[in-house]
């Protein structure tokens, strides 16, 4: 059967580099299945479980945070902030870990929004001080 190279990468390390027959990604608008020879695509990856089948026919899965995937006919690379081996988690742990990943992303986003607002206000105050009445 035809295979392609799957790489899963986080900021800390390469989690996986293996030849696979099939990859099932969780995208914001639903699941997406890839086989060898697929058209080039770049897509956002959503929180959830991605599954793949090796050339030996074994099925494995990872719980991933959001990120993106670049797919070519001979390879696919999944870039994600966080990745856990879902084969070693039970169903309840998967739910808890997925929610933890989502909460962390929301917290990080709220910090970014807070810092952006602080910078915006500081610039607004500074620009008002620079203006002098005529």
C-alpha atoms as a PDB file:
ATOM      1  CA  UNK A   1       0.000   0.000   0.000  1.00  0.00           C
ATOM      2  CA  UNK A   2       1.140   3.598  -0.595  1.00  0.00           C
ATOM      3  CA  UNK A   3       2.542   5.491   2.367  1.00  0.00           C
ATOM      4  CA  UNK A   4       3.673   9.008   3.170  1.00  0.00           C
ATOM      5  CA  UNK A   5       5.884  10.494   5.885  1.00  0.00           C
ATOM      6  CA  UNK A   6       4.040  11.973   8.889  1.00  0.00           C
ATOM      7  CA  UNK A   7       5.861  14.393  11.188  1.00  0.00           C
ATOM      8  CA  UNK A   8       4.234  15.834  14.311  1.00  0.00           C
ATOM      9  CA  UNK A   9       6.169  18.769  15.761  1.00  0.00           C
ATOM     10  CA  UNK A  10       5.744  20.895  18.910  1.00  0.00           C
ATOM     11  CA  UNK A  11       7.879  23.899  19.903  1.00  0.00           C
ATOM     12  CA  UNK A  12       9.855  21.617  22.228  1.00  0.00           C
ATOM     13  CA  UNK A  13      10.483  18.570  20.031  1.00  0.00           C
ATOM     14  CA  UNK A  14       9.579  16.332  17.118  1.00  0.00           C
ATOM     15  CA  UNK A  15       6.961  13.979  18.536  1.00  0.00           C
ATOM     16  CA  UNK A  16       6.670  11.613  15.580  1.00  0.00           C
ATOM     17  CA  UNK A  17       8.333  10.869  12.264  1.00  0.00           C
ATOM     18  CA  UNK A  18       6.880   7.751  10.661  1.00  0.00           C
ATOM     19  CA  UNK A  19       5.612   6.360   7.359  1.00  0.00           C
ATOM     20  CA  UNK A  20       1.825   6.043   7.485  1.00  0.00           C
ATOM     21  CA  UNK A  21      -0.994   4.892   5.203  1.00  0.00           C
ATOM     22  CA  UNK A  22      -3.702   7.206   6.505  1.00  0.00           C
ATOM     23  CA  UNK A  23      -4.019  10.321   8.673  1.00  0.00           C
ATOM     24  CA  UNK A  24      -7.240  11.621  10.215  1.00  0.00           C
ATOM     25  CA  UNK A  25      -6.964  15.274  11.314  1.00  0.00           C
ATOM     26  CA  UNK A  26      -9.434  17.302  13.370  1.00  0.00           C
ATOM     27  CA  UNK A  27      -9.972  20.625  11.590  1.00  0.00           C
ATOM     28  CA  UNK A  28     -12.246  23.463  12.766  1.00  0.00           C
ATOM     29  CA  UNK A  29     -14.885  22.483  10.184  1.00  0.00           C
ATOM     30  CA  UNK A  30     -14.682  18.707  10.762  1.00  0.00           C
ATOM     31  CA  UNK A  31     -12.473  15.683  10.285  1.00  0.00           C
ATOM     32  CA  UNK A  32     -10.149  15.421   7.290  1.00  0.00           C
ATOM     33  CA  UNK A  33      -8.693  12.120   6.081  1.00  0.00           C
ATOM     34  CA  UNK A  34      -5.440  12.036   4.121  1.00  0.00           C
ATOM     35  CA  UNK A  35      -3.999   9.249   2.020  1.00  0.00           C
ATOM     36  CA  UNK A  36      -0.745   9.053   0.059  1.00  0.00           C
ATOM     37  CA  UNK A  37      -0.784  11.163  -3.104  1.00  0.00           C
ATOM     38  CA  UNK A  38      -3.229  13.779  -1.773  1.00  0.00           C
ATOM     39  CA  UNK A  39      -3.212  17.298  -3.158  1.00  0.00           C
ATOM     40  CA  UNK A  40      -1.080  19.934  -1.387  1.00  0.00           C
ATOM     41  CA  UNK A  41      -3.071  21.594   1.390  1.00  0.00           C
ATOM     42  CA  UNK A  42      -2.335  23.823   4.370  1.00  0.00           C
ATOM     43  CA  UNK A  43      -5.023  23.832   7.052  1.00  0.00           C
ATOM     44  CA  UNK A  44      -5.668  24.886  10.640  1.00  0.00           C
ATOM     45  CA  UNK A  45      -5.751  22.015  13.132  1.00  0.00           C
ATOM     46  CA  UNK A  46      -8.289  22.144  15.948  1.00  0.00           C
ATOM     47  CA  UNK A  47      -8.128  20.755  19.484  1.00  0.00           C
ATOM     48  CA  UNK A  48      -8.832  17.057  19.488  1.00  0.00           C
ATOM     49  CA  UNK A  49      -7.544  13.632  18.584  1.00  0.00           C
ATOM     50  CA  UNK A  50      -5.640  12.901  15.387  1.00  0.00           C
ATOM     51  CA  UNK A  51      -5.351   9.300  14.286  1.00  0.00           C
ATOM     52  CA  UNK A  52      -3.027   7.568  11.880  1.00  0.00           C
ATOM     53  CA  UNK A  53      -2.510   4.052  10.531  1.00  0.00           C
ATOM     54  CA  UNK A  54       1.042   2.793  10.051  1.00  0.00           C
ATOM     55  CA  UNK A  55       2.268   0.751   7.101  1.00  0.00           C
ATOM     56  CA  UNK A  56       2.034  -2.302   9.391  1.00  0.00           C
ATOM     57  CA  UNK A  57      -1.706  -1.629   9.891  1.00  0.00           C
ATOM     58  CA  UNK A  58      -1.468  -0.407  13.503  1.00  0.00           C
ATOM     59  CA  UNK A  59      -3.666   2.533  14.482  1.00  0.00           C
ATOM     60  CA  UNK A  60      -2.359   5.202  16.891  1.00  0.00           C
ATOM     61  CA  UNK A  61      -3.655   8.549  18.118  1.00  0.00           C
ATOM     62  CA  UNK A  62      -2.465  11.800  19.652  1.00  0.00           C
ATOM     63  CA  UNK A  63      -4.347  14.485  21.538  1.00  0.00           C
ATOM     64  CA  UNK A  64      -3.282  17.836  20.083  1.00  0.00           C
ATOM     65  CA  UNK A  65      -3.835  21.509  20.752  1.00  0.00           C
ATOM     66  CA  UNK A  66      -4.529  23.888  17.914  1.00  0.00           C
ATOM     67  CA  UNK A  67      -1.940  24.456  15.224  1.00  0.00           C
ATOM     68  CA  UNK A  68      -1.701  23.845  11.515  1.00  0.00           C
ATOM     69  CA  UNK A  69      -0.828  21.092   9.078  1.00  0.00           C
ATOM     70  CA  UNK A  70       1.002  21.214   5.781  1.00  0.00           C
ATOM     71  CA  UNK A  71       0.216  18.297   3.506  1.00  0.00           C
ATOM     72  CA  UNK A  72       1.977  17.211   0.313  1.00  0.00           C
ATOM     73  CA  UNK A  73       1.587  14.040  -1.793  1.00  0.00           C
ATOM     74  CA  UNK A  74       4.574  12.394  -0.071  1.00  0.00           C
ATOM     75  CA  UNK A  75       4.474  13.928   3.412  1.00  0.00           C
ATOM     76  CA  UNK A  76       2.405  15.682   6.073  1.00  0.00           C
ATOM     77  CA  UNK A  77       3.675  17.876   8.889  1.00  0.00           C
ATOM     78  CA  UNK A  78       1.468  18.765  11.859  1.00  0.00           C
ATOM     79  CA  UNK A  79       2.666  21.764  13.897  1.00  0.00           C
ATOM     80  CA  UNK A  80       0.938  22.027  17.273  1.00  0.00           C
ATOM     81  CA  UNK A  81       1.539  23.769  20.591  1.00  0.00           C
ATOM     82  CA  UNK A  82       0.912  20.632  22.646  1.00  0.00           C
ATOM     83  CA  UNK A  83       0.733  16.924  21.889  1.00  0.00           C
ATOM     84  CA  UNK A  84      -0.026  13.925  24.127  1.00  0.00           C
ATOM     85  CA  UNK A  85       0.042  10.225  23.273  1.00  0.00           C
ATOM     86  CA  UNK A  86      -3.686   9.457  23.365  1.00  0.00           C
ATOM     87  CA  UNK A  87      -3.088   5.698  23.215  1.00  0.00           C
ATOM     88  CA  UNK A  88      -2.008   5.883  26.858  1.00  0.00           C
ATOM     89  CA  UNK A  89      -4.975   7.977  28.054  1.00  0.00           C
ATOM     90  CA  UNK A  90      -8.439   6.727  28.888  1.00  0.00           C
ATOM     91  CA  UNK A  91     -11.578   8.467  27.589  1.00  0.00           C
ATOM     92  CA  UNK A  92     -12.055  10.675  30.668  1.00  0.00           C
ATOM     93  CA  UNK A  93      -8.399  11.750  30.682  1.00  0.00           C
ATOM     94  CA  UNK A  94      -8.702  12.743  27.002  1.00  0.00           C
ATOM     95  CA  UNK A  95     -11.657  15.015  27.842  1.00  0.00           C
ATOM     96  CA  UNK A  96      -9.810  16.576  30.782  1.00  0.00           C
ATOM     97  CA  UNK A  97      -6.595  17.132  28.820  1.00  0.00           C
ATOM     98  CA  UNK A  98      -8.466  18.575  25.826  1.00  0.00           C
ATOM     99  CA  UNK A  99     -10.285  21.046  28.084  1.00  0.00           C
ATOM    100  CA  UNK A 100      -7.007  21.943  29.816  1.00  0.00           C
ATOM    101  CA  UNK A 101      -5.432  22.725  26.440  1.00  0.00           C
ATOM    102  CA  UNK A 102      -8.383  24.908  25.441  1.00  0.00           C
ATOM    103  CA  UNK A 103      -8.331  26.744  28.794  1.00  0.00           C
ATOM    104  CA  UNK A 104      -4.588  27.384  28.500  1.00  0.00           C
ATOM    105  CA  UNK A 105      -5.040  28.815  25.017  1.00  0.00           C
ATOM    106  CA  UNK A 106      -7.861  31.087  26.226  1.00  0.00           C
ATOM    107  CA  UNK A 107      -5.699  32.250  29.137  1.00  0.00           C
ATOM    108  CA  UNK A 108      -2.752  32.951  26.811  1.00  0.00           C
ATOM    109  CA  UNK A 109      -5.090  34.832  24.465  1.00  0.00           C
ATOM    110  CA  UNK A 110      -6.525  36.902  27.327  1.00  0.00           C
ATOM    111  CA  UNK A 111      -2.994  37.827  28.443  1.00  0.00           C
ATOM    112  CA  UNK A 112      -2.157  38.897  24.901  1.00  0.00           C
ATOM    113  CA  UNK A 113      -5.346  40.977  24.718  1.00  0.00           C
ATOM    114  CA  UNK A 114      -4.573  42.562  28.102  1.00  0.00           C
ATOM    115  CA  UNK A 115      -1.010  43.435  27.068  1.00  0.00           C
ATOM    116  CA  UNK A 116      -2.203  44.823  23.725  1.00  0.00           C
ATOM    117  CA  UNK A 117      -4.794  47.005  25.468  1.00  0.00           C
ATOM    118  CA  UNK A 118      -2.184  48.250  27.952  1.00  0.00           C
ATOM    119  CA  UNK A 119       0.195  49.194  25.130  1.00  0.00           C
ATOM    120  CA  UNK A 120      -2.629  50.904  23.218  1.00  0.00           C
ATOM    121  CA  UNK A 121      -3.614  52.971  26.273  1.00  0.00           C
ATOM    122  CA  UNK A 122       0.003  53.861  27.046  1.00  0.00           C
ATOM    123  CA  UNK A 123       0.482  55.089  23.475  1.00  0.00           C
ATOM    124  CA  UNK A 124      -2.742  57.081  23.609  1.00  0.00           C
ATOM    125  CA  UNK A 125      -1.733  58.771  26.871  1.00  0.00           C
ATOM    126  CA  UNK A 126       1.784  59.489  25.603  1.00  0.00           C
ATOM    127  CA  UNK A 127       0.526  61.003  22.356  1.00  0.00           C
ATOM    128  CA  UNK A 128      -1.882  63.293  24.278  1.00  0.00           C
ATOM    129  CA  UNK A 129       0.961  64.520  26.487  1.00  0.00           C
ATOM    130  CA  UNK A 130       3.071  65.372  23.452  1.00  0.00           C
ATOM    131  CA  UNK A 131       0.378  67.609  21.990  1.00  0.00           C
ATOM    132  CA  UNK A 132       0.507  71.138  23.265  1.00  0.00           C
ATOM    133  CA  UNK A 133      -2.361  73.560  23.005  1.00  0.00           C
ATOM    134  CA  UNK A 134      -1.850  76.516  20.691  1.00  0.00           C
END
